[in-house]
Amino acid sequence: MNTGKEPLHFYQVWILPSRSHLEPAYSQKKFEESDWENRLLPLASGQGFEDALKINVDATIYRADLDRGHVIRFTSQENRCIFICISAGELSVNGQRIGKGDQARIDLESAIHMEAVSSDIPAEFVLIDVSGKLIETQEKI
């Protein structure tokens, strides 16, 4: 719930857990915006990232704000699915341009090249690296 006066943007993401009958868990952590400037920052992960929130699935949720001309290269392993959702700006993903509100789902490429192409605002996006099946998403504004 947004208790502030500024608009808030939510993503609802469903990722199947690594096994059935797990107890529900809840955690929160404050991240500094500067931590994801021009780099991917793991926010939540079941892949052992020390500073990320822990989740019970072989997946990692990253956040990035990429200034024009900056590039991030991400290497995906075999049998992984990558989901990218843009919340602001424009991003070139392996040569395909996507913008605010667009999504990219990648499951057949191991090398992912992301470059911000917006002239005035950073490309703000979430990248999810998940094993196996693609995830289901529903954007909430």
N, C-alpha and C. Protein backbone atom coordinates (compact mmCIF):
# COMPACT_ATOMS: atom_id res chain seq x y z
N MET A 1 0.84 -1.17 0.00
CA MET A 1 0.00 0.00 0.00
C MET A 1 0.89 1.24 0.00
N ASN A 2 0.53 2.19 -0.81
CA ASN A 2 1.27 3.44 -0.88
C ASN A 2 0.67 4.44 0.10
N THR A 3 1.39 4.75 1.18
CA THR A 3 0.90 5.70 2.17
C THR A 3 1.42 7.11 1.91
N GLY A 4 2.27 7.27 0.89
CA GLY A 4 2.84 8.58 0.58
C GLY A 4 1.99 9.36 -0.41
N LYS A 5 2.43 10.57 -0.71
CA LYS A 5 1.72 11.44 -1.64
C LYS A 5 2.19 11.25 -3.08
N GLU A 6 3.39 10.72 -3.28
CA GLU A 6 3.94 10.49 -4.61
C GLU A 6 3.40 9.18 -5.18
N PRO A 7 3.18 9.12 -6.50
CA PRO A 7 2.75 7.86 -7.11
C PRO A 7 3.80 6.77 -6.88
N LEU A 8 3.34 5.55 -6.74
CA LEU A 8 4.22 4.41 -6.50
C LEU A 8 3.92 3.35 -7.54
N HIS A 9 4.95 2.70 -8.03
CA HIS A 9 4.82 1.70 -9.09
C HIS A 9 5.14 0.33 -8.50
N PHE A 10 4.20 -0.61 -8.60
CA PHE A 10 4.39 -1.96 -8.08
C PHE A 10 4.49 -2.97 -9.23
N TYR A 11 5.20 -4.04 -9.01
CA TYR A 11 5.19 -5.20 -9.90
C TYR A 11 4.74 -6.39 -9.08
N GLN A 12 3.82 -7.15 -9.64
CA GLN A 12 3.43 -8.40 -9.01
C GLN A 12 4.05 -9.50 -9.85
N VAL A 13 4.92 -10.30 -9.23
CA VAL A 13 5.67 -11.32 -9.94
C VAL A 13 5.45 -12.66 -9.24
N TRP A 14 5.12 -13.67 -10.02
CA TRP A 14 4.91 -15.01 -9.48
C TRP A 14 6.00 -15.93 -10.00
N ILE A 15 6.78 -16.49 -9.10
CA ILE A 15 7.83 -17.44 -9.45
C ILE A 15 7.58 -18.70 -8.62
N LEU A 16 7.51 -19.83 -9.26
CA LEU A 16 7.26 -21.08 -8.53
C LEU A 16 8.41 -21.36 -7.56
N PRO A 17 8.11 -21.73 -6.32
CA PRO A 17 9.17 -22.02 -5.34
C PRO A 17 9.92 -23.30 -5.70
N SER A 18 11.06 -23.50 -5.07
CA SER A 18 11.91 -24.65 -5.38
C SER A 18 11.30 -25.97 -4.93
N ARG A 19 10.39 -25.91 -3.95
CA ARG A 19 9.70 -27.13 -3.50
C ARG A 19 8.36 -26.75 -2.88
N SER A 20 7.49 -27.73 -2.73
CA SER A 20 6.14 -27.51 -2.20
C SER A 20 6.14 -27.44 -0.67
N HIS A 21 5.07 -26.90 -0.13
CA HIS A 21 4.77 -26.89 1.31
C HIS A 21 5.78 -26.09 2.14
N LEU A 22 6.32 -25.04 1.58
CA LEU A 22 7.21 -24.16 2.34
C LEU A 22 6.36 -23.18 3.16
N GLU A 23 6.84 -22.81 4.31
CA GLU A 23 6.16 -21.80 5.13
C GLU A 23 6.29 -20.44 4.46
N PRO A 24 5.22 -19.66 4.43
CA PRO A 24 5.32 -18.31 3.87
C PRO A 24 6.33 -17.48 4.68
N ALA A 25 7.01 -16.59 3.99
CA ALA A 25 8.00 -15.74 4.65
C ALA A 25 7.84 -14.31 4.14
N TYR A 26 8.27 -13.37 4.94
CA TYR A 26 8.20 -11.96 4.58
C TYR A 26 9.47 -11.29 5.07
N SER A 27 10.04 -10.44 4.23
CA SER A 27 11.19 -9.66 4.67
C SER A 27 11.22 -8.36 3.87
N GLN A 28 11.93 -7.40 4.40
CA GLN A 28 12.08 -6.15 3.68
C GLN A 28 13.46 -5.57 3.97
N LYS A 29 13.91 -4.74 3.05
CA LYS A 29 15.23 -4.14 3.18
C LYS A 29 15.23 -2.84 2.39
N LYS A 30 15.87 -1.83 2.90
CA LYS A 30 16.00 -0.57 2.18
C LYS A 30 17.29 -0.60 1.37
N PHE A 31 17.16 -0.36 0.08
CA PHE A 31 18.32 -0.26 -0.80
C PHE A 31 18.48 1.20 -1.19
N GLU A 32 19.70 1.64 -1.37
CA GLU A 32 19.97 3.01 -1.81
C GLU A 32 19.93 3.06 -3.34
N GLU A 33 19.29 4.09 -3.90
CA GLU A 33 19.19 4.21 -5.35
C GLU A 33 20.56 4.20 -6.02
N SER A 34 21.55 4.76 -5.37
CA SER A 34 22.90 4.79 -5.96
C SER A 34 23.48 3.39 -6.13
N ASP A 35 22.96 2.41 -5.41
CA ASP A 35 23.47 1.04 -5.50
C ASP A 35 23.16 0.40 -6.85
N TRP A 36 22.13 0.87 -7.57
CA TRP A 36 21.79 0.26 -8.86
C TRP A 36 22.01 1.22 -10.03
N GLU A 37 22.73 2.32 -9.80
CA GLU A 37 23.05 3.23 -10.90
C GLU A 37 24.10 2.60 -11.80
N ASN A 38 23.75 2.40 -13.05
CA ASN A 38 24.63 1.86 -14.09
C ASN A 38 25.19 0.48 -13.78
N ARG A 39 24.42 -0.30 -13.01
CA ARG A 39 24.78 -1.69 -12.76
C ARG A 39 23.56 -2.46 -12.29
N LEU A 40 23.62 -3.78 -12.43
CA LEU A 40 22.56 -4.65 -11.92
C LEU A 40 22.81 -4.91 -10.44
N LEU A 41 21.82 -4.64 -9.62
CA LEU A 41 21.91 -4.90 -8.18
C LEU A 41 20.94 -6.03 -7.85
N PRO A 42 21.42 -7.16 -7.30
CA PRO A 42 20.51 -8.23 -6.89
C PRO A 42 19.72 -7.79 -5.65
N LEU A 43 18.39 -7.74 -5.80
CA LEU A 43 17.51 -7.33 -4.70
C LEU A 43 17.03 -8.54 -3.90
N ALA A 44 16.62 -9.59 -4.59
CA ALA A 44 16.13 -10.80 -3.95
C ALA A 44 16.68 -11.99 -4.73
N SER A 45 17.12 -13.02 -3.97
CA SER A 45 17.76 -14.13 -4.66
C SER A 45 17.72 -15.41 -3.85
N GLY A 46 17.66 -16.51 -4.57
CA GLY A 46 17.84 -17.84 -4.00
C GLY A 46 19.15 -18.43 -4.49
N GLN A 47 20.02 -17.58 -5.03
CA GLN A 47 21.29 -18.01 -5.60
C GLN A 47 22.49 -17.59 -4.75
N GLY A 48 22.27 -17.22 -3.50
CA GLY A 48 23.37 -16.96 -2.59
C GLY A 48 24.00 -15.58 -2.64
N PHE A 49 23.31 -14.58 -3.18
CA PHE A 49 23.85 -13.21 -3.13
C PHE A 49 23.70 -12.70 -1.69
N GLU A 50 24.81 -12.40 -1.07
CA GLU A 50 24.86 -12.08 0.37
C GLU A 50 23.95 -10.93 0.79
N ASP A 51 23.92 -9.84 0.05
CA ASP A 51 23.17 -8.66 0.47
C ASP A 51 21.74 -8.61 -0.06
N ALA A 52 21.33 -9.63 -0.82
CA ALA A 52 19.97 -9.66 -1.37
C ALA A 52 19.03 -10.33 -0.38
N LEU A 53 17.75 -9.98 -0.46
CA LEU A 53 16.73 -10.69 0.31
C LEU A 53 16.70 -12.14 -0.15
N LYS A 54 16.48 -13.05 0.77
CA LYS A 54 16.49 -14.49 0.45
C LYS A 54 15.11 -14.94 -0.01
N ILE A 55 15.07 -15.71 -1.12
CA ILE A 55 13.83 -16.31 -1.60
C ILE A 55 14.09 -17.80 -1.84
N ASN A 56 13.03 -18.60 -1.76
CA ASN A 56 13.15 -20.06 -1.89
C ASN A 56 12.93 -20.51 -3.33
N VAL A 57 13.76 -20.02 -4.21
CA VAL A 57 13.67 -20.39 -5.62
C VAL A 57 15.02 -20.10 -6.29
N ASP A 58 15.34 -20.85 -7.31
CA ASP A 58 16.57 -20.65 -8.06
C ASP A 58 16.36 -19.48 -9.03
N ALA A 59 16.37 -18.28 -8.47
CA ALA A 59 16.11 -17.07 -9.26
C ALA A 59 16.77 -15.88 -8.57
N THR A 60 16.99 -14.82 -9.35
CA THR A 60 17.46 -13.56 -8.80
C THR A 60 16.71 -12.43 -9.47
N ILE A 61 16.26 -11.46 -8.66
CA ILE A 61 15.59 -10.27 -9.16
C ILE A 61 16.58 -9.11 -9.01
N TYR A 62 16.91 -8.48 -10.14
CA TYR A 62 17.87 -7.37 -10.18
C TYR A 62 17.15 -6.07 -10.49
N ARG A 63 17.78 -4.96 -10.13
CA ARG A 63 17.28 -3.61 -10.43
C ARG A 63 18.43 -2.83 -11.03
N ALA A 64 18.13 -1.96 -12.01
CA ALA A 64 19.16 -1.11 -12.60
C ALA A 64 18.55 0.18 -13.14
N ASP A 65 19.30 1.26 -13.03
CA ASP A 65 19.04 2.51 -13.73
C ASP A 65 20.28 2.75 -14.58
N LEU A 66 20.10 2.78 -15.88
CA LEU A 66 21.24 2.85 -16.79
C LEU A 66 21.20 4.16 -17.56
N ASP A 67 22.26 4.98 -17.41
CA ASP A 67 22.36 6.24 -18.13
C ASP A 67 22.70 6.00 -19.59
N ARG A 68 22.28 6.92 -20.46
CA ARG A 68 22.52 6.81 -21.90
C ARG A 68 23.98 6.46 -22.18
N GLY A 69 24.16 5.49 -23.04
CA GLY A 69 25.50 5.09 -23.45
C GLY A 69 26.14 4.03 -22.55
N HIS A 70 25.60 3.81 -21.37
CA HIS A 70 26.13 2.77 -20.49
C HIS A 70 25.62 1.40 -20.94
N VAL A 71 26.46 0.40 -20.76
CA VAL A 71 26.16 -0.95 -21.21
C VAL A 71 26.29 -1.92 -20.04
N ILE A 72 25.38 -2.87 -19.98
CA ILE A 72 25.49 -3.99 -19.04
C ILE A 72 25.46 -5.26 -19.88
N ARG A 73 26.41 -6.14 -19.61
CA ARG A 73 26.42 -7.45 -20.25
C ARG A 73 26.06 -8.48 -19.19
N PHE A 74 25.08 -9.31 -19.51
CA PHE A 74 24.63 -10.33 -18.58
C PHE A 74 24.74 -11.68 -19.28
N THR A 75 25.34 -12.64 -18.60
CA THR A 75 25.48 -13.98 -19.17
C THR A 75 24.50 -14.91 -18.49
N SER A 76 23.64 -15.50 -19.29
CA SER A 76 22.65 -16.44 -18.78
C SER A 76 23.14 -17.86 -19.01
N GLN A 77 22.90 -18.70 -18.05
CA GLN A 77 23.28 -20.10 -18.17
C GLN A 77 22.22 -20.87 -18.95
N GLU A 78 22.56 -22.08 -19.37
CA GLU A 78 21.61 -22.93 -20.09
C GLU A 78 20.41 -23.24 -19.18
N ASN A 79 19.24 -23.38 -19.78
CA ASN A 79 17.99 -23.67 -19.06
C ASN A 79 17.56 -22.55 -18.12
N ARG A 80 17.93 -21.31 -18.43
CA ARG A 80 17.50 -20.15 -17.66
C ARG A 80 16.58 -19.31 -18.52
N CYS A 81 15.70 -18.58 -17.89
CA CYS A 81 14.84 -17.62 -18.57
C CYS A 81 15.12 -16.24 -17.98
N ILE A 82 15.17 -15.26 -18.84
CA ILE A 82 15.41 -13.88 -18.43
C ILE A 82 14.18 -13.06 -18.79
N PHE A 83 13.75 -12.26 -17.85
CA PHE A 83 12.60 -11.38 -18.02
C PHE A 83 13.07 -9.98 -17.69
N ILE A 84 12.82 -9.02 -18.60
CA ILE A 84 13.20 -7.63 -18.38
C ILE A 84 11.95 -6.78 -18.51
N CYS A 85 11.72 -5.90 -17.55
CA CYS A 85 10.57 -5.00 -17.57
C CYS A 85 11.07 -3.57 -17.40
N ILE A 86 10.72 -2.70 -18.35
CA ILE A 86 11.18 -1.31 -18.35
C ILE A 86 10.13 -0.42 -17.69
N SER A 87 10.54 0.37 -16.71
CA SER A 87 9.61 1.29 -16.06
C SER A 87 9.82 2.74 -16.49
N ALA A 88 10.98 3.05 -17.10
CA ALA A 88 11.24 4.40 -17.61
C ALA A 88 12.36 4.33 -18.64
N GLY A 89 12.37 5.29 -19.55
CA GLY A 89 13.44 5.37 -20.54
C GLY A 89 13.32 4.29 -21.62
N GLU A 90 14.44 4.11 -22.33
CA GLU A 90 14.50 3.11 -23.39
C GLU A 90 15.79 2.33 -23.28
N LEU A 91 15.71 1.07 -23.66
CA LEU A 91 16.82 0.14 -23.54
C LEU A 91 16.93 -0.68 -24.81
N SER A 92 18.15 -0.86 -25.29
CA SER A 92 18.40 -1.78 -26.39
C SER A 92 18.85 -3.09 -25.76
N VAL A 93 18.10 -4.17 -26.06
CA VAL A 93 18.43 -5.50 -25.54
C VAL A 93 18.76 -6.39 -26.73
N ASN A 94 20.04 -6.72 -26.85
CA ASN A 94 20.53 -7.50 -27.99
C ASN A 94 20.02 -6.93 -29.32
N GLY A 95 20.08 -5.58 -29.40
CA GLY A 95 19.72 -4.90 -30.64
C GLY A 95 18.25 -4.57 -30.79
N GLN A 96 17.40 -5.04 -29.91
CA GLN A 96 15.96 -4.74 -29.96
C GLN A 96 15.66 -3.62 -28.97
N ARG A 97 15.04 -2.56 -29.46
CA ARG A 97 14.73 -1.41 -28.62
C ARG A 97 13.41 -1.62 -27.89
N ILE A 98 13.42 -1.42 -26.57
CA ILE A 98 12.20 -1.50 -25.77
C ILE A 98 12.11 -0.26 -24.89
N GLY A 99 10.88 0.15 -24.59
CA GLY A 99 10.68 1.37 -23.82
C GLY A 99 9.75 1.17 -22.65
N LYS A 100 9.41 2.27 -22.01
CA LYS A 100 8.58 2.27 -20.80
C LYS A 100 7.34 1.40 -21.01
N GLY A 101 7.12 0.47 -20.07
CA GLY A 101 5.97 -0.42 -20.12
C GLY A 101 6.20 -1.68 -20.93
N ASP A 102 7.33 -1.75 -21.65
CA ASP A 102 7.63 -2.94 -22.45
C ASP A 102 8.30 -4.01 -21.60
N GLN A 103 8.20 -5.24 -22.11
CA GLN A 103 8.84 -6.38 -21.47
C GLN A 103 9.62 -7.17 -22.52
N ALA A 104 10.67 -7.82 -22.08
CA ALA A 104 11.43 -8.74 -22.93
C ALA A 104 11.55 -10.05 -22.19
N ARG A 105 11.29 -11.14 -22.89
CA ARG A 105 11.44 -12.49 -22.32
C ARG A 105 12.45 -13.21 -23.20
N ILE A 106 13.53 -13.66 -22.57
CA ILE A 106 14.65 -14.24 -23.30
C ILE A 106 14.93 -15.62 -22.74
N ASP A 107 14.88 -16.63 -23.61
CA ASP A 107 15.20 -17.97 -23.11
C ASP A 107 16.07 -18.78 -24.06
N LEU A 108 16.50 -18.20 -25.15
CA LEU A 108 17.34 -18.94 -26.09
C LEU A 108 18.70 -18.28 -26.31
N GLU A 109 19.01 -17.24 -25.57
CA GLU A 109 20.28 -16.54 -25.74
C GLU A 109 21.03 -16.53 -24.41
N SER A 110 22.32 -16.80 -24.47
CA SER A 110 23.10 -16.81 -23.24
C SER A 110 23.77 -15.46 -22.98
N ALA A 111 24.09 -14.70 -24.02
CA ALA A 111 24.72 -13.40 -23.86
C ALA A 111 23.68 -12.31 -24.08
N ILE A 112 23.48 -11.49 -23.06
CA ILE A 112 22.49 -10.42 -23.14
C ILE A 112 23.21 -9.09 -23.00
N HIS A 113 23.05 -8.24 -24.02
CA HIS A 113 23.71 -6.95 -24.10
C HIS A 113 22.64 -5.88 -23.94
N MET A 114 22.72 -5.08 -22.87
CA MET A 114 21.72 -4.04 -22.60
C MET A 114 22.40 -2.68 -22.62
N GLU A 115 21.86 -1.76 -23.41
CA GLU A 115 22.41 -0.42 -23.51
C GLU A 115 21.29 0.60 -23.41
N ALA A 116 21.47 1.61 -22.56
CA ALA A 116 20.48 2.68 -22.44
C ALA A 116 20.55 3.56 -23.68
N VAL A 117 19.39 3.83 -24.27
CA VAL A 117 19.35 4.63 -25.49
C VAL A 117 18.47 5.86 -25.34
N SER A 118 17.93 6.11 -24.15
CA SER A 118 17.13 7.31 -23.89
C SER A 118 18.03 8.53 -23.89
N SER A 119 17.55 9.63 -24.46
CA SER A 119 18.38 10.82 -24.48
C SER A 119 18.26 11.65 -23.22
N ASP A 120 17.10 11.56 -22.53
CA ASP A 120 16.90 12.48 -21.41
C ASP A 120 16.77 11.81 -20.04
N ILE A 121 16.35 10.56 -19.97
CA ILE A 121 16.20 9.91 -18.67
C ILE A 121 16.85 8.53 -18.70
N PRO A 122 17.31 8.05 -17.55
CA PRO A 122 17.92 6.71 -17.52
C PRO A 122 16.90 5.62 -17.87
N ALA A 123 17.41 4.52 -18.37
CA ALA A 123 16.57 3.34 -18.58
C ALA A 123 16.45 2.65 -17.22
N GLU A 124 15.26 2.65 -16.66
CA GLU A 124 15.01 2.03 -15.36
C GLU A 124 14.34 0.69 -15.62
N PHE A 125 14.92 -0.38 -15.08
CA PHE A 125 14.35 -1.70 -15.37
C PHE A 125 14.65 -2.71 -14.28
N VAL A 126 13.86 -3.77 -14.32
CA VAL A 126 14.02 -4.94 -13.46
C VAL A 126 14.39 -6.09 -14.38
N LEU A 127 15.38 -6.88 -13.98
CA LEU A 127 15.76 -8.09 -14.71
C LEU A 127 15.59 -9.26 -13.76
N ILE A 128 14.90 -10.29 -14.22
CA ILE A 128 14.70 -11.49 -13.41
C ILE A 128 15.33 -12.67 -14.14
N ASP A 129 16.23 -13.35 -13.45
CA ASP A 129 16.91 -14.54 -13.97
C ASP A 129 16.32 -15.73 -13.21
N VAL A 130 15.63 -16.62 -13.93
CA VAL A 130 14.94 -17.72 -13.26
C VAL A 130 15.20 -19.03 -13.99
N SER A 131 15.28 -20.08 -13.23
CA SER A 131 15.46 -21.42 -13.80
C SER A 131 14.16 -21.96 -14.34
N GLY A 132 14.23 -22.62 -15.47
CA GLY A 132 13.07 -23.35 -15.98
C GLY A 132 11.99 -22.50 -16.58
N LYS A 133 10.76 -22.68 -16.10
CA LYS A 133 9.57 -22.05 -16.68
C LYS A 133 9.64 -20.53 -16.59
N LEU A 134 9.01 -19.90 -17.57
CA LEU A 134 8.88 -18.45 -17.51
C LEU A 134 7.95 -18.07 -16.37
N ILE A 135 8.11 -16.88 -15.90
CA ILE A 135 7.32 -16.38 -14.79
C ILE A 135 6.06 -15.68 -15.28
N GLU A 136 5.11 -15.51 -14.41
CA GLU A 136 3.90 -14.77 -14.71
C GLU A 136 4.01 -13.42 -14.03
N THR A 137 3.62 -12.35 -14.72
CA THR A 137 3.69 -11.01 -14.14
C THR A 137 2.40 -10.26 -14.36
N GLN A 138 2.16 -9.32 -13.48
CA GLN A 138 1.03 -8.41 -13.64
C GLN A 138 1.50 -7.08 -13.06
N GLU A 139 1.52 -6.05 -13.89
CA GLU A 139 1.98 -4.75 -13.46
C GLU A 139 0.87 -4.03 -12.72
N LYS A 140 1.22 -3.37 -11.60
CA LYS A 140 0.26 -2.59 -10.81
C LYS A 140 0.75 -1.16 -10.71
N ILE A 141 -0.12 -0.22 -11.01
CA ILE A 141 0.24 1.20 -10.88
C ILE A 141 -0.66 1.83 -9.85
